[in-house]
PDB file of N, CA and C in Angstrom:
ATOM      1  N   MET A   1       0.857  -1.164   0.000  1.00  0.00           N
ATOM      2  CA  MET A   1       0.000   0.000   0.000  1.00  0.00           C
ATOM      3  C   MET A   1       0.899   1.222   0.000  1.00  0.00           C
ATOM      4  N   SER A   2       0.741   2.067  -1.003  1.00  0.00           N
ATOM      5  CA  SER A   2       1.561   3.273  -1.076  1.00  0.00           C
ATOM      6  C   SER A   2       0.668   4.496  -1.002  1.00  0.00           C
ATOM      7  N   GLY A   3       1.266   5.600  -0.642  1.00  0.00           N
ATOM      8  CA  GLY A   3       0.525   6.844  -0.546  1.00  0.00           C
ATOM      9  C   GLY A   3       1.099   7.710   0.551  1.00  0.00           C
ATOM     10  N   VAL A   4       0.327   8.681   0.982  1.00  0.00           N
ATOM     11  CA  VAL A   4       0.747   9.631   2.000  1.00  0.00           C
ATOM     12  C   VAL A   4      -0.285   9.619   3.123  1.00  0.00           C
ATOM     13  N   TRP A   5       0.197   9.548   4.367  1.00  0.00           N
ATOM     14  CA  TRP A   5      -0.708   9.629   5.509  1.00  0.00           C
ATOM     15  C   TRP A   5      -1.087  11.095   5.713  1.00  0.00           C
ATOM     16  N   VAL A   6      -2.387  11.354   5.843  1.00  0.00           N
ATOM     17  CA  VAL A   6      -2.908  12.710   5.998  1.00  0.00           C
ATOM     18  C   VAL A   6      -3.630  12.793   7.331  1.00  0.00           C
ATOM     19  N   PHE A   7      -3.361  13.854   8.104  1.00  0.00           N
ATOM     20  CA  PHE A   7      -4.042  14.097   9.367  1.00  0.00           C
ATOM     21  C   PHE A   7      -4.939  15.306   9.175  1.00  0.00           C
ATOM     22  N   LYS A   8      -6.259  15.104   9.300  1.00  0.00           N
ATOM     23  CA  LYS A   8      -7.203  16.198   9.113  1.00  0.00           C
ATOM     24  C   LYS A   8      -8.374  16.027  10.063  1.00  0.00           C
ATOM     25  N   ASN A   9      -8.678  17.056  10.838  1.00  0.00           N
ATOM     26  CA  ASN A   9      -9.805  17.049  11.773  1.00  0.00           C
ATOM     27  C   ASN A   9      -9.750  15.862  12.728  1.00  0.00           C
ATOM     28  N   GLY A  10      -8.557  15.512  13.214  1.00  0.00           N
ATOM     29  CA  GLY A  10      -8.419  14.434  14.176  1.00  0.00           C
ATOM     30  C   GLY A  10      -8.457  13.051  13.578  1.00  0.00           C
ATOM     31  N   VAL A  11      -8.422  12.957  12.253  1.00  0.00           N
ATOM     32  CA  VAL A  11      -8.504  11.669  11.581  1.00  0.00           C
ATOM     33  C   VAL A  11      -7.243  11.458  10.754  1.00  0.00           C
ATOM     34  N   VAL A  12      -6.627  10.290  10.927  1.00  0.00           N
ATOM     35  CA  VAL A  12      -5.464   9.930  10.133  1.00  0.00           C
ATOM     36  C   VAL A  12      -5.934   9.017   9.015  1.00  0.00           C
ATOM     37  N   SER A  13      -5.601   9.358   7.774  1.00  0.00           N
ATOM     38  CA  SER A  13      -6.028   8.581   6.624  1.00  0.00           C
ATOM     39  C   SER A  13      -4.890   8.443   5.630  1.00  0.00           C
ATOM     40  N   LEU A  14      -4.957   7.371   4.846  1.00  0.00           N
ATOM     41  CA  LEU A  14      -3.968   7.161   3.803  1.00  0.00           C
ATOM     42  C   LEU A  14      -4.525   7.689   2.497  1.00  0.00           C
ATOM     43  N   LYS A  15      -3.785   8.621   1.899  1.00  0.00           N
ATOM     44  CA  LYS A  15      -4.212   9.213   0.637  1.00  0.00           C
ATOM     45  C   LYS A  15      -3.334   8.626  -0.459  1.00  0.00           C
ATOM     46  N   ASN A  16      -3.953   7.944  -1.418  1.00  0.00           N
ATOM     47  CA  ASN A  16      -3.156   7.350  -2.497  1.00  0.00           C
ATOM     48  C   ASN A  16      -2.935   8.378  -3.601  1.00  0.00           C
ATOM     49  N   GLY A  17      -2.237   7.985  -4.656  1.00  0.00           N
ATOM     50  CA  GLY A  17      -1.902   8.899  -5.745  1.00  0.00           C
ATOM     51  C   GLY A  17      -3.102   9.496  -6.438  1.00  0.00           C
ATOM     52  N   ALA A  18      -4.243   8.798  -6.417  1.00  0.00           N
ATOM     53  CA  ALA A  18      -5.439   9.289  -7.095  1.00  0.00           C
ATOM     54  C   ALA A  18      -6.192  10.326  -6.267  1.00  0.00           C
ATOM     55  N   GLY A  19      -5.776  10.509  -4.993  1.00  0.00           N
ATOM     56  CA  GLY A  19      -6.396  11.535  -4.168  1.00  0.00           C
ATOM     57  C   GLY A  19      -7.507  11.040  -3.267  1.00  0.00           C
ATOM     58  N   SER A  20      -7.801   9.752  -3.270  1.00  0.00           N
ATOM     59  CA  SER A  20      -8.856   9.263  -2.381  1.00  0.00           C
ATOM     60  C   SER A  20      -8.265   8.869  -1.037  1.00  0.00           C
ATOM     61  N   LEU A  21      -9.111   8.828  -0.023  1.00  0.00           N
ATOM     62  CA  LEU A  21      -8.673   8.460   1.309  1.00  0.00           C
ATOM     63  C   LEU A  21      -8.993   7.004   1.570  1.00  0.00           C
ATOM     64  N   GLN A  22      -8.052   6.314   2.246  1.00  0.00           N
ATOM     65  CA  GLN A  22      -8.230   4.905   2.550  1.00  0.00           C
ATOM     66  C   GLN A  22      -7.756   4.619   3.962  1.00  0.00           C
ATOM     67  N   GLY A  23      -8.385   3.689   4.612  1.00  0.00           N
ATOM     68  CA  GLY A  23      -7.850   3.050   5.798  1.00  0.00           C
ATOM     69  C   GLY A  23      -7.545   3.900   7.007  1.00  0.00           C
ATOM     70  N   GLY A  24      -8.111   5.103   7.153  1.00  0.00           N
ATOM     71  CA  GLY A  24      -7.843   5.903   8.332  1.00  0.00           C
ATOM     72  C   GLY A  24      -8.495   5.302   9.550  1.00  0.00           C
ATOM     73  N   LYS A  25      -7.855   5.459  10.697  1.00  0.00           N
ATOM     74  CA  LYS A  25      -8.372   4.954  11.968  1.00  0.00           C
ATOM     75  C   LYS A  25      -8.566   6.120  12.919  1.00  0.00           C
ATOM     76  N   VAL A  26      -9.568   5.997  13.765  1.00  0.00           N
ATOM     77  CA  VAL A  26      -9.809   6.986  14.808  1.00  0.00           C
ATOM     78  C   VAL A  26      -9.999   6.266  16.129  1.00  0.00           C
ATOM     79  N   LEU A  27      -9.616   6.930  17.206  1.00  0.00           N
ATOM     80  CA  LEU A  27      -9.821   6.428  18.557  1.00  0.00           C
ATOM     81  C   LEU A  27     -11.097   7.059  19.091  1.00  0.00           C
ATOM     82  N   VAL A  28     -12.019   6.217  19.537  1.00  0.00           N
ATOM     83  CA  VAL A  28     -13.328   6.692  19.996  1.00  0.00           C
ATOM     84  C   VAL A  28     -13.503   6.367  21.473  1.00  0.00           C
ATOM     85  N   HIS A  29     -13.949   7.352  22.238  1.00  0.00           N
ATOM     86  CA  HIS A  29     -14.293   7.183  23.653  1.00  0.00           C
ATOM     87  C   HIS A  29     -15.734   6.689  23.691  1.00  0.00           C
ATOM     88  N   LEU A  30     -15.933   5.426  24.058  1.00  0.00           N
ATOM     89  CA  LEU A  30     -17.251   4.800  23.957  1.00  0.00           C
ATOM     90  C   LEU A  30     -18.339   5.425  24.826  1.00  0.00           C
ATOM     91  N   PRO A  31     -18.067   5.802  26.090  1.00  0.00           N
ATOM     92  CA  PRO A  31     -19.148   6.376  26.893  1.00  0.00           C
ATOM     93  C   PRO A  31     -19.780   7.631  26.291  1.00  0.00           C
ATOM     94  N   THR A  32     -18.975   8.416  25.550  1.00  0.00           N
ATOM     95  CA  THR A  32     -19.488   9.658  24.963  1.00  0.00           C
ATOM     96  C   THR A  32     -19.578   9.597  23.442  1.00  0.00           C
ATOM     97  N   ASN A  33     -19.042   8.532  22.847  1.00  0.00           N
ATOM     98  CA  ASN A  33     -18.964   8.376  21.393  1.00  0.00           C
ATOM     99  C   ASN A  33     -18.178   9.521  20.751  1.00  0.00           C
ATOM    100  N   GLU A  34     -17.234  10.084  21.513  1.00  0.00           N
ATOM    101  CA  GLU A  34     -16.415  11.205  21.047  1.00  0.00           C
ATOM    102  C   GLU A  34     -15.117  10.690  20.434  1.00  0.00           C
ATOM    103  N   ILE A  35     -14.748  11.239  19.288  1.00  0.00           N
ATOM    104  CA  ILE A  35     -13.479  10.905  18.655  1.00  0.00           C
ATOM    105  C   ILE A  35     -12.381  11.707  19.348  1.00  0.00           C
ATOM    106  N   VAL A  36     -11.289  11.036  19.690  1.00  0.00           N
ATOM    107  CA  VAL A  36     -10.149  11.707  20.310  1.00  0.00           C
ATOM    108  C   VAL A  36      -9.431  12.496  19.227  1.00  0.00           C
ATOM    109  N   THR A  37      -9.444  13.812  19.358  1.00  0.00           N
ATOM    110  CA  THR A  37      -8.884  14.697  18.330  1.00  0.00           C
ATOM    111  C   THR A  37      -7.603  15.401  18.761  1.00  0.00           C
ATOM    112  N   SER A  38      -7.222  15.239  20.035  1.00  0.00           N
ATOM    113  CA  SER A  38      -6.004  15.889  20.531  1.00  0.00           C
ATOM    114  C   SER A  38      -5.577  15.216  21.830  1.00  0.00           C
ATOM    115  N   TYR A  39      -4.351  15.503  22.235  1.00  0.00           N
ATOM    116  CA  TYR A  39      -3.892  14.982  23.519  1.00  0.00           C
ATOM    117  C   TYR A  39      -4.620  15.644  24.679  1.00  0.00           C
ATOM    118  N   GLU A  40      -5.067  16.864  24.495  1.00  0.00           N
ATOM    119  CA  GLU A  40      -5.844  17.530  25.544  1.00  0.00           C
ATOM    120  C   GLU A  40      -7.126  16.745  25.819  1.00  0.00           C
ATOM    121  N   VAL A  41      -7.800  16.326  24.754  1.00  0.00           N
ATOM    122  CA  VAL A  41      -9.033  15.536  24.880  1.00  0.00           C
ATOM    123  C   VAL A  41      -8.715  14.183  25.510  1.00  0.00           C
ATOM    124  N   LEU A  42      -7.658  13.526  25.024  1.00  0.00           N
ATOM    125  CA  LEU A  42      -7.283  12.211  25.547  1.00  0.00           C
ATOM    126  C   LEU A  42      -6.903  12.292  27.019  1.00  0.00           C
ATOM    127  N   GLU A  43      -6.149  13.317  27.385  1.00  0.00           N
ATOM    128  CA  GLU A  43      -5.739  13.460  28.789  1.00  0.00           C
ATOM    129  C   GLU A  43      -6.948  13.626  29.707  1.00  0.00           C
ATOM    130  N   ARG A  44      -7.917  14.391  29.277  1.00  0.00           N
ATOM    131  CA  ARG A  44      -9.148  14.571  30.074  1.00  0.00           C
ATOM    132  C   ARG A  44      -9.833  13.226  30.295  1.00  0.00           C
ATOM    133  N   MET A  45      -9.918  12.426  29.235  1.00  0.00           N
ATOM    134  CA  MET A  45     -10.585  11.129  29.326  1.00  0.00           C
ATOM    135  C   MET A  45      -9.808  10.153  30.204  1.00  0.00           C
ATOM    136  N   LEU A  46      -8.489  10.101  30.007  1.00  0.00           N
ATOM    137  CA  LEU A  46      -7.674   9.166  30.787  1.00  0.00           C
ATOM    138  C   LEU A  46      -7.607   9.560  32.256  1.00  0.00           C
ATOM    139  N   THR A  47      -7.532  10.867  32.529  1.00  0.00           N
ATOM    140  CA  THR A  47      -7.506  11.334  33.913  1.00  0.00           C
ATOM    141  C   THR A  47      -8.765  10.914  34.659  1.00  0.00           C
ATOM    142  N   SER A  48      -9.900  10.957  33.981  1.00  0.00           N
ATOM    143  CA  SER A  48     -11.152  10.554  34.622  1.00  0.00           C
ATOM    144  C   SER A  48     -11.176   9.056  34.929  1.00  0.00           C
ATOM    145  N   LEU A  49     -10.279   8.296  34.294  1.00  0.00           N
ATOM    146  CA  LEU A  49     -10.184   6.850  34.530  1.00  0.00           C
ATOM    147  C   LEU A  49      -9.071   6.493  35.515  1.00  0.00           C
ATOM    148  N   GLY A  50      -8.446   7.509  36.111  1.00  0.00           N
ATOM    149  CA  GLY A  50      -7.408   7.255  37.106  1.00  0.00           C
ATOM    150  C   GLY A  50      -5.985   7.268  36.578  1.00  0.00           C
ATOM    151  N   TRP A  51      -5.796   7.614  35.318  1.00  0.00           N
ATOM    152  CA  TRP A  51      -4.452   7.711  34.746  1.00  0.00           C
ATOM    153  C   TRP A  51      -3.855   9.057  35.117  1.00  0.00           C
ATOM    154  N   GLU A  52      -2.529   9.098  35.287  1.00  0.00           N
ATOM    155  CA  GLU A  52      -1.812  10.326  35.605  1.00  0.00           C
ATOM    156  C   GLU A  52      -0.720  10.550  34.575  1.00  0.00           C
ATOM    157  N   ARG A  53      -0.458  11.818  34.275  1.00  0.00           N
ATOM    158  CA  ARG A  53       0.650  12.122  33.357  1.00  0.00           C
ATOM    159  C   ARG A  53       1.950  11.653  33.995  1.00  0.00           C
ATOM    160  N   TYR A  54       2.822  11.132  33.178  1.00  0.00           N
ATOM    161  CA  TYR A  54       4.119  10.613  33.598  1.00  0.00           C
ATOM    162  C   TYR A  54       5.158  11.377  32.793  1.00  0.00           C
ATOM    163  N   TYR A  55       6.073  12.049  33.466  1.00  0.00           N
ATOM    164  CA  TYR A  55       7.001  12.960  32.796  1.00  0.00           C
ATOM    165  C   TYR A  55       8.426  12.426  32.741  1.00  0.00           C
ATOM    166  N   ASP A  56       8.605  11.114  32.691  1.00  0.00           N
ATOM    167  CA  ASP A  56       9.935  10.515  32.718  1.00  0.00           C
ATOM    168  C   ASP A  56      10.729  10.749  31.434  1.00  0.00           C
ATOM    169  N   ASP A  57      10.062  10.767  30.291  1.00  0.00           N
ATOM    170  CA  ASP A  57      10.744  10.902  28.997  1.00  0.00           C
ATOM    171  C   ASP A  57      10.212  12.135  28.274  1.00  0.00           C
ATOM    172  N   PRO A  58      11.042  13.159  28.059  1.00  0.00           N
ATOM    173  CA  PRO A  58      10.568  14.395  27.425  1.00  0.00           C
ATOM    174  C   PRO A  58      10.173  14.216  25.952  1.00  0.00           C
ATOM    175  N   ASP A  59      10.546  13.103  25.342  1.00  0.00           N
ATOM    176  CA  ASP A  59      10.217  12.866  23.939  1.00  0.00           C
ATOM    177  C   ASP A  59       8.898  12.123  23.763  1.00  0.00           C
ATOM    178  N   LEU A  60       8.259  11.762  24.874  1.00  0.00           N
ATOM    179  CA  LEU A  60       7.005  11.004  24.814  1.00  0.00           C
ATOM    180  C   LEU A  60       5.927  11.676  25.641  1.00  0.00           C
ATOM    181  N   PHE A  61       4.698  11.402  25.288  1.00  0.00           N
ATOM    182  CA  PHE A  61       3.519  11.819  26.052  1.00  0.00           C
ATOM    183  C   PHE A  61       3.057  10.546  26.749  1.00  0.00           C
ATOM    184  N   GLN A  62       3.215  10.480  28.088  1.00  0.00           N
ATOM    185  CA  GLN A  62       2.979   9.226  28.792  1.00  0.00           C
ATOM    186  C   GLN A  62       1.969   9.364  29.926  1.00  0.00           C
ATOM    187  N   PHE A  63       1.325   8.225  30.207  1.00  0.00           N
ATOM    188  CA  PHE A  63       0.374   8.126  31.311  1.00  0.00           C
ATOM    189  C   PHE A  63       0.665   6.861  32.095  1.00  0.00           C
ATOM    190  N   HIS A  64       0.488   6.947  33.415  1.00  0.00           N
ATOM    191  CA  HIS A  64       0.676   5.804  34.299  1.00  0.00           C
ATOM    192  C   HIS A  64      -0.534   5.694  35.210  1.00  0.00           C
ATOM    193  N   LYS A  65      -0.913   4.470  35.511  1.00  0.00           N
ATOM    194  CA  LYS A  65      -2.017   4.230  36.437  1.00  0.00           C
ATOM    195  C   LYS A  65      -1.424   3.616  37.696  1.00  0.00           C
ATOM    196  N   ARG A  66      -1.532   4.311  38.803  1.00  0.00           N
ATOM    197  CA  ARG A  66      -0.882   3.898  40.055  1.00  0.00           C
ATOM    198  C   ARG A  66      -1.241   2.484  40.489  1.00  0.00           C
ATOM    199  N   SER A  67      -2.457   2.082  40.302  1.00  0.00           N
ATOM    200  CA  SER A  67      -2.900   0.775  40.779  1.00  0.00           C
ATOM    201  C   SER A  67      -2.446  -0.370  39.875  1.00  0.00           C
ATOM    202  N   THR A  68      -1.719  -0.063  38.809  1.00  0.00           N
ATOM    203  CA  THR A  68      -1.266  -1.086  37.861  1.00  0.00           C
ATOM    204  C   THR A  68       0.186  -0.850  37.488  1.00  0.00           C
ATOM    205  N   VAL A  69       0.724  -1.755  36.690  1.00  0.00           N
ATOM    206  CA  VAL A  69       2.074  -1.570  36.141  1.00  0.00           C
ATOM    207  C   VAL A  69       1.999  -0.989  34.742  1.00  0.00           C
ATOM    208  N   HIS A  70       0.811  -0.627  34.290  1.00  0.00           N
ATOM    209  CA  HIS A  70       0.617  -0.146  32.922  1.00  0.00           C
ATOM    210  C   HIS A  70       1.172   1.253  32.709  1.00  0.00           C
ATOM    211  N   LEU A  71       1.765   1.419  31.534  1.00  0.00           N
ATOM    212  CA  LEU A  71       2.264   2.712  31.093  1.00  0.00           C
ATOM    213  C   LEU A  71       1.845   2.881  29.641  1.00  0.00           C
ATOM    214  N   ILE A  72       1.237   4.000  29.337  1.00  0.00           N
ATOM    215  CA  ILE A  72       0.871   4.324  27.956  1.00  0.00           C
ATOM    216  C   ILE A  72       1.900   5.328  27.456  1.00  0.00           C
ATOM    217  N   SER A  73       2.622   4.965  26.400  1.00  0.00           N
ATOM    218  CA  SER A  73       3.644   5.833  25.822  1.00  0.00           C
ATOM    219  C   SER A  73       3.239   6.196  24.402  1.00  0.00           C
ATOM    220  N   LEU A  74       3.136   7.487  24.144  1.00  0.00           N
ATOM    221  CA  LEU A  74       2.678   7.987  22.853  1.00  0.00           C
ATOM    222  C   LEU A  74       3.696   8.974  22.294  1.00  0.00           C
ATOM    223  N   PRO A  75       3.738   9.141  20.981  1.00  0.00           N
ATOM    224  CA  PRO A  75       4.658  10.136  20.415  1.00  0.00           C
ATOM    225  C   PRO A  75       4.278  11.534  20.904  1.00  0.00           C
ATOM    226  N   LYS A  76       5.263  12.376  21.109  1.00  0.00           N
ATOM    227  CA  LYS A  76       5.016  13.735  21.616  1.00  0.00           C
ATOM    228  C   LYS A  76       4.060  14.522  20.720  1.00  0.00           C
ATOM    229  N   ASN A  77       4.143  14.289  19.420  1.00  0.00           N
ATOM    230  CA  ASN A  77       3.308  14.985  18.442  1.00  0.00           C
ATOM    231  C   ASN A  77       2.056  14.148  18.153  1.00  0.00           C
ATOM    232  N   PHE A  78       0.877  14.690  18.432  1.00  0.00           N
ATOM    233  CA  PHE A  78      -0.377  13.957  18.234  1.00  0.00           C
ATOM    234  C   PHE A  78      -0.554  13.505  16.785  1.00  0.00           C
ATOM    235  N   LYS A  79      -0.008  14.263  15.848  1.00  0.00           N
ATOM    236  CA  LYS A  79      -0.142  13.913  14.434  1.00  0.00           C
ATOM    237  C   LYS A  79       0.592  12.620  14.087  1.00  0.00           C
ATOM    238  N   LYS A  80       1.482  12.175  14.963  1.00  0.00           N
ATOM    239  CA  LYS A  80       2.228  10.932  14.732  1.00  0.00           C
ATOM    240  C   LYS A  80       1.605   9.738  15.446  1.00  0.00           C
ATOM    241  N   LEU A  81       0.430   9.933  16.026  1.00  0.00           N
ATOM    242  CA  LEU A  81      -0.281   8.851  16.693  1.00  0.00           C
ATOM    243  C   LEU A  81      -0.724   7.824  15.654  1.00  0.00           C
ATOM    244  N   LYS A  82      -0.341   6.580  15.857  1.00  0.00           N
ATOM    245  CA  LYS A  82      -0.635   5.511  14.897  1.00  0.00           C
ATOM    246  C   LYS A  82      -1.624   4.527  15.493  1.00  0.00           C
ATOM    247  N   PRO A  83      -2.240   3.689  14.640  1.00  0.00           N
ATOM    248  CA  PRO A  83      -3.172   2.690  15.158  1.00  0.00           C
ATOM    249  C   PRO A  83      -2.590   1.817  16.264  1.00  0.00           C
ATOM    250  N   MET A  84      -1.305   1.486  16.202  1.00  0.00           N
ATOM    251  CA  MET A  84      -0.712   0.653  17.259  1.00  0.00           C
ATOM    252  C   MET A  84      -0.777   1.370  18.612  1.00  0.00           C
ATOM    253  N   HIS A  85      -0.643   2.700  18.627  1.00  0.00           N
ATOM    254  CA  HIS A  85      -0.774   3.460  19.873  1.00  0.00           C
ATOM    255  C   HIS A  85      -2.224   3.442  20.352  1.00  0.00           C
ATOM    256  N   MET A  86      -3.142   3.594  19.397  1.00  0.00           N
ATOM    257  CA  MET A  86      -4.569   3.583  19.734  1.00  0.00           C
ATOM    258  C   MET A  86      -4.973   2.246  20.348  1.00  0.00           C
ATOM    259  N   TYR A  87      -4.495   1.155  19.753  1.00  0.00           N
ATOM    260  CA  TYR A  87      -4.835  -0.174  20.273  1.00  0.00           C
ATOM    261  C   TYR A  87      -4.234  -0.402  21.654  1.00  0.00           C
ATOM    262  N   ASP A  88      -3.075   0.185  21.936  1.00  0.00           N
ATOM    263  CA  ASP A  88      -2.489   0.090  23.275  1.00  0.00           C
ATOM    264  C   ASP A  88      -3.419   0.740  24.297  1.00  0.00           C
ATOM    265  N   ILE A  89      -3.991   1.874  23.949  1.00  0.00           N
ATOM    266  CA  ILE A  89      -4.934   2.559  24.837  1.00  0.00           C
ATOM    267  C   ILE A  89      -6.176   1.696  25.039  1.00  0.00           C
ATOM    268  N   VAL A  90      -6.666   1.090  23.958  1.00  0.00           N
ATOM    269  CA  VAL A  90      -7.855   0.235  24.034  1.00  0.00           C
ATOM    270  C   VAL A  90      -7.615  -0.950  24.957  1.00  0.00           C
ATOM    271  N   VAL A  91      -6.490  -1.625  24.790  1.00  0.00           N
ATOM    272  CA  VAL A  91      -6.189  -2.821  25.586  1.00  0.00           C
ATOM    273  C   VAL A  91      -6.085  -2.486  27.074  1.00  0.00           C
ATOM    274  N   LYS A  92      -5.549  -1.325  27.386  1.00  0.00           N
ATOM    275  CA  LYS A  92      -5.358  -0.943  28.789  1.00  0.00           C
ATOM    276  C   LYS A  92      -6.586  -0.267  29.395  1.00  0.00           C
ATOM    277  N   ASN A  93      -7.620  -0.071  28.580  1.00  0.00           N
ATOM    278  CA  ASN A  93      -8.871   0.555  29.043  1.00  0.00           C
ATOM    279  C   ASN A  93     -10.049  -0.152  28.385  1.00  0.00           C
ATOM    280  N   ARG A  94     -10.167  -1.423  28.645  1.00  0.00           N
ATOM    281  CA  ARG A  94     -11.210  -2.233  28.000  1.00  0.00           C
ATOM    282  C   ARG A  94     -12.603  -1.648  28.233  1.00  0.00           C
ATOM    283  N   ASN A  95     -13.405  -1.707  27.205  1.00  0.00           N
ATOM    284  CA  ASN A  95     -14.791  -1.226  27.220  1.00  0.00           C
ATOM    285  C   ASN A  95     -14.921   0.289  27.370  1.00  0.00           C
ATOM    286  N   VAL A  96     -13.827   1.018  27.193  1.00  0.00           N
ATOM    287  CA  VAL A  96     -13.879   2.478  27.300  1.00  0.00           C
ATOM    288  C   VAL A  96     -13.514   3.142  25.966  1.00  0.00           C
ATOM    289  N   PHE A  97     -12.573   2.544  25.255  1.00  0.00           N
ATOM    290  CA  PHE A  97     -12.139   3.073  23.966  1.00  0.00           C
ATOM    291  C   PHE A  97     -12.270   2.008  22.892  1.00  0.00           C
ATOM    292  N   GLU A  98     -12.345   2.476  21.652  1.00  0.00           N
ATOM    293  CA  GLU A  98     -12.424   1.584  20.509  1.00  0.00           C
ATOM    294  C   GLU A  98     -11.747   2.264  19.324  1.00  0.00           C
ATOM    295  N   VAL A  99     -11.076   1.475  18.494  1.00  0.00           N
ATOM    296  CA  VAL A  99     -10.484   1.985  17.257  1.00  0.00           C
ATOM    297  C   VAL A  99     -11.454   1.665  16.135  1.00  0.00           C
ATOM    298  N   ARG A 100     -11.791   2.680  15.369  1.00  0.00           N
ATOM    299  CA  ARG A 100     -12.727   2.506  14.258  1.00  0.00           C
ATOM    300  C   ARG A 100     -12.122   3.043  12.965  1.00  0.00           C
ATOM    301  N   ASP A 101     -12.657   2.549  11.853  1.00  0.00           N
ATOM    302  CA  ASP A 101     -12.305   3.124  10.560  1.00  0.00           C
ATOM    303  C   ASP A 101     -12.927   4.508  10.466  1.00  0.00           C
ATOM    304  N   SER A 102     -12.188   5.425   9.864  1.00  0.00           N
ATOM    305  CA  SER A 102     -12.730   6.787   9.736  1.00  0.00           C
ATOM    306  C   SER A 102     -13.711   6.877   8.580  1.00  0.00           C
TER     307      SER A 102
END
């Protein structure tokens, strides 16, 4: 699959040479059905679930949950958030988030 990844309105999509969009994924907060469009939005949601910002690595945007050994590590730039990062959030917050096709 070739093309260019495009980030627009909180949605990451693959744009091929013909100009159409393919295969974009979005992270959805299930209780509100809200698409996560920024780290500010994600932090609000994770904080309400007991996650705390973790400032150990200045190159990453991280969250830790005190009652667990879980750590969510994300690229500092929200535009570089990939489906693998989204699925990590889903796995560590079952029944709260979901990855969907855009």
